[in-house]
Amino acid sequence: MPQRLTPIVRNLLLLNVGVWLVWQFSGDPENLARYLLLWKTDVLFPRPDYSPYGFEPVQLVGAFFSHERFTHLLFNMLGLYFLGVAVELVMGSQRFLAFYLFVGVTSTLAVAVLDPTDNPVLGASGAISGLLMAFAFYFPSARLSLLFLPFVSFKAIHFALGLFAFSAFMVFGVEDQGQVSHFGHLMGMVMGILYFVVERKQMRRPW
């Protein structure tokens, strides 16, 4: 059922599509890759001959607004639309934006430092995974379905926990994860949970 766009979701959709168009029509994609892909650090894991650029802080924001393939952009933006509108209505626009940026930046940082694989990363999947946890927190009994199985639905809380378990299995149980950043999905969900834990502690703190 169509939903009316909320302000932050609308602007995030436009920003992601805009960055994708920059990728498609840029005359210098190699230079964009320096700032809009996440090239992981060698703080914990040595990465010889891994990147011609190396990690730069701007990538923490640039990478999670970037998508190379249209299908990657489409799936993430559908997730932002179907999950984000409801969550923004509950949280309010300012708090929703803070949540989205917190999850996006911190999950991207975690991938940059902690992910042992060498593949560069881009995409909003970490932020969308955190958004799924927020949706499950506010609407645990709402029904969600996979895009390719629209007639099979699950309660949001079961859907979120299932994705968490699947991502953890792929990270810790499968050696070759292909081109999908399951670590990024997992970190997005972890950071989404962390946001609510920290926020609740702040609300309980006496001033």
Protein backbone atom coordinates (compact mmCIF):
# COMPACT_ATOMS: atom_id res chain seq x y z
CA MET A 1 0.00 0.00 0.00
CA PRO A 2 1.53 3.36 -1.04
CA GLN A 3 2.72 5.62 1.75
CA ARG A 4 3.08 9.37 1.75
CA LEU A 5 6.74 10.32 1.82
CA THR A 6 8.07 11.93 4.98
CA PRO A 7 10.63 14.77 4.67
CA ILE A 8 13.83 12.97 5.66
CA VAL A 9 13.01 9.79 3.75
CA ARG A 10 12.25 11.86 0.65
CA ASN A 11 15.54 13.75 0.89
CA LEU A 12 17.52 10.57 1.56
CA LEU A 13 15.95 8.96 -1.51
CA LEU A 14 16.86 11.97 -3.64
CA LEU A 15 20.41 12.07 -2.27
CA ASN A 16 21.04 8.37 -2.93
CA VAL A 17 19.64 8.62 -6.45
CA GLY A 18 21.67 11.78 -7.04
CA VAL A 19 24.93 10.12 -5.99
CA TRP A 20 24.10 7.13 -8.20
CA LEU A 21 23.62 9.46 -11.18
CA VAL A 22 26.97 11.08 -10.43
CA TRP A 23 28.55 7.63 -10.60
CA GLN A 24 26.84 6.86 -13.91
CA PHE A 25 27.71 10.09 -15.70
CA SER A 26 31.01 11.04 -14.11
CA GLY A 27 33.89 11.38 -16.50
CA ASP A 28 36.32 10.42 -13.74
CA PRO A 29 34.95 7.39 -11.82
CA GLU A 30 38.44 6.50 -10.61
CA ASN A 31 38.62 9.74 -8.64
CA LEU A 32 35.12 9.18 -7.24
CA ALA A 33 36.19 5.75 -6.01
CA ARG A 34 38.67 7.41 -3.69
CA TYR A 35 35.89 9.17 -1.79
CA LEU A 36 32.69 7.21 -2.43
CA LEU A 37 33.91 3.67 -1.86
CA LEU A 38 34.99 2.36 1.52
CA TRP A 39 38.62 1.24 1.31
CA LYS A 40 39.25 -0.57 4.59
CA THR A 41 41.93 0.40 7.07
CA ASP A 42 44.97 -1.70 7.93
CA VAL A 43 44.69 -0.90 11.67
CA LEU A 44 43.88 -4.51 12.60
CA PHE A 45 44.41 -6.47 9.40
CA PRO A 46 47.36 -6.02 7.04
CA ARG A 47 46.15 -5.42 3.50
CA PRO A 48 49.18 -5.52 1.20
CA ASP A 49 48.53 -4.29 -2.33
CA TYR A 50 44.85 -3.98 -1.45
CA SER A 51 43.95 -0.41 -2.33
CA PRO A 52 45.45 2.26 -4.55
CA TYR A 53 43.79 4.87 -2.31
CA GLY A 54 43.56 3.70 1.30
CA PHE A 55 41.04 4.63 3.93
CA GLU A 56 39.92 8.26 4.26
CA PRO A 57 37.32 9.52 6.78
CA VAL A 58 35.11 11.04 4.05
CA GLN A 59 34.40 7.48 2.90
CA LEU A 60 32.39 6.87 6.09
CA VAL A 61 29.65 9.07 4.65
CA GLY A 62 30.33 8.78 0.93
CA ALA A 63 30.21 4.98 0.86
CA PHE A 64 26.79 4.53 2.42
CA PHE A 65 25.22 6.99 -0.01
CA SER A 66 26.80 5.27 -3.02
CA HIS A 67 25.54 2.44 -5.21
CA GLU A 68 27.15 1.02 -8.32
CA ARG A 69 24.36 -1.17 -9.72
CA PHE A 70 20.80 0.02 -10.24
CA THR A 71 19.38 -3.14 -8.62
CA HIS A 72 21.46 -2.47 -5.50
CA LEU A 73 20.12 1.09 -5.35
CA LEU A 74 16.55 -0.07 -6.02
CA PHE A 75 16.45 -2.70 -3.26
CA ASN A 76 17.97 -0.37 -0.68
CA MET A 77 15.67 2.51 -1.59
CA LEU A 78 12.60 0.26 -1.42
CA GLY A 79 13.74 -0.73 2.07
CA LEU A 80 14.21 2.93 3.00
CA TYR A 81 10.74 3.76 1.70
CA PHE A 82 8.77 0.90 3.24
CA LEU A 83 10.56 0.96 6.60
CA GLY A 84 11.66 4.56 6.90
CA VAL A 85 8.34 6.36 6.48
CA ALA A 86 6.75 4.54 9.42
CA VAL A 87 9.83 4.92 11.62
CA GLU A 88 10.19 8.64 10.83
CA LEU A 89 6.54 9.22 11.75
CA VAL A 90 7.15 7.63 15.16
CA MET A 91 10.58 9.11 15.88
CA GLY A 92 10.08 12.54 14.38
CA SER A 93 12.20 13.83 11.51
CA GLN A 94 15.13 15.22 13.52
CA ARG A 95 15.55 12.13 15.66
CA PHE A 96 15.09 9.85 12.64
CA LEU A 97 17.86 11.65 10.74
CA ALA A 98 20.17 11.37 13.76
CA PHE A 99 19.42 7.65 13.97
CA TYR A 100 19.99 7.04 10.25
CA LEU A 101 23.29 8.93 10.17
CA PHE A 102 24.49 7.31 13.39
CA VAL A 103 23.82 3.81 12.09
CA GLY A 104 25.24 4.57 8.65
CA VAL A 105 28.49 6.12 9.86
CA THR A 106 29.18 3.76 12.78
CA SER A 107 28.41 0.59 10.84
CA THR A 108 30.62 1.80 7.98
CA LEU A 109 33.41 2.56 10.45
CA ALA A 110 33.05 -0.90 11.97
CA VAL A 111 33.36 -2.46 8.53
CA ALA A 112 36.41 -0.33 7.73
CA VAL A 113 38.25 -1.41 10.87
CA LEU A 114 36.91 -4.84 11.81
CA ASP A 115 36.00 -6.61 8.58
CA PRO A 116 38.91 -8.93 7.70
CA THR A 117 37.95 -9.21 4.03
CA ASP A 118 39.62 -6.98 1.48
CA ASN A 119 36.70 -6.07 -0.77
CA PRO A 120 35.85 -2.35 -0.91
CA VAL A 121 32.29 -1.63 0.20
CA LEU A 122 29.55 0.76 -0.86
CA GLY A 123 25.81 1.01 -0.37
CA ALA A 124 23.17 1.94 2.19
CA SER A 125 22.61 -1.67 3.28
CA GLY A 126 24.09 -1.14 6.76
CA ALA A 127 21.84 1.85 7.44
CA ILE A 128 18.80 -0.01 6.05
CA SER A 129 19.59 -3.02 8.25
CA GLY A 130 19.66 -0.73 11.28
CA LEU A 131 16.38 0.77 10.10
CA LEU A 132 14.89 -2.72 10.05
CA MET A 133 15.76 -3.12 13.73
CA ALA A 134 14.07 0.21 14.50
CA PHE A 135 10.96 -0.86 12.58
CA ALA A 136 10.87 -4.17 14.48
CA PHE A 137 11.27 -2.26 17.76
CA TYR A 138 8.29 0.00 17.08
CA PHE A 139 6.13 -2.40 15.06
CA PRO A 140 7.07 -5.93 16.18
CA SER A 141 3.84 -7.52 14.94
CA ALA A 142 3.71 -5.79 11.54
CA ARG A 143 4.04 -8.17 8.60
CA LEU A 144 7.07 -7.98 6.30
CA SER A 145 7.85 -10.06 3.24
CA LEU A 146 10.81 -10.56 0.94
CA LEU A 147 10.63 -8.79 -2.41
CA PHE A 148 10.95 -12.05 -4.32
CA LEU A 149 8.43 -13.86 -2.06
CA PRO A 150 5.69 -11.24 -1.65
CA PHE A 151 3.05 -13.79 -0.62
CA VAL A 152 5.09 -15.10 2.33
CA SER A 153 5.20 -12.72 5.28
CA PHE A 154 6.71 -12.71 8.76
CA LYS A 155 6.25 -10.61 11.86
CA ALA A 156 8.75 -7.75 11.79
CA ILE A 157 10.52 -8.94 14.94
CA HIS A 158 10.95 -12.44 13.49
CA PHE A 159 12.08 -11.01 10.16
CA ALA A 160 14.71 -8.83 11.87
CA LEU A 161 16.00 -11.63 14.11
CA GLY A 162 16.11 -13.98 11.15
CA LEU A 163 18.20 -11.56 9.11
CA PHE A 164 20.47 -11.00 12.11
CA ALA A 165 21.03 -14.75 12.48
CA PHE A 166 21.57 -15.22 8.74
CA SER A 167 24.09 -12.36 8.56
CA ALA A 168 25.97 -13.70 11.60
CA PHE A 169 26.09 -17.15 10.02
CA MET A 170 27.43 -15.75 6.75
CA VAL A 171 30.08 -13.72 8.58
CA PHE A 172 31.30 -16.41 10.97
CA GLY A 173 30.33 -19.61 9.18
CA VAL A 174 31.03 -19.04 5.49
CA GLU A 175 34.52 -18.33 4.22
CA ASP A 176 33.65 -16.98 0.77
CA GLN A 177 30.86 -14.40 1.13
CA GLY A 178 31.03 -13.17 -2.46
CA GLN A 179 30.38 -9.50 -3.15
CA VAL A 180 27.69 -9.01 -0.48
CA SER A 181 28.85 -7.25 2.69
CA HIS A 182 27.14 -9.47 5.26
CA PHE A 183 29.45 -7.94 7.86
CA GLY A 184 28.02 -4.53 6.95
CA HIS A 185 24.45 -5.83 7.35
CA LEU A 186 25.32 -7.30 10.74
CA MET A 187 27.03 -4.13 11.93
CA GLY A 188 24.06 -2.04 10.80
CA MET A 189 21.73 -4.12 12.97
CA VAL A 190 24.14 -4.03 15.91
CA MET A 191 24.45 -0.24 15.66
CA GLY A 192 20.68 0.12 15.37
CA ILE A 193 20.27 -1.77 18.64
CA LEU A 194 23.11 0.23 20.22
CA TYR A 195 21.40 3.52 19.36
CA PHE A 196 18.30 2.58 21.34
CA VAL A 197 20.35 1.23 24.26
CA VAL A 198 22.39 4.43 24.52
CA GLU A 199 19.34 6.64 24.07
CA ARG A 200 17.42 4.82 26.80
CA LYS A 201 20.35 5.20 29.21
CA GLN A 202 20.54 8.91 28.41
CA MET A 203 16.83 9.31 29.16
CA ARG A 204 17.23 7.59 32.52
CA ARG A 205 20.25 9.65 33.57
CA PRO A 206 19.44 12.17 36.33
CA TRP A 207 20.47 15.73 35.54
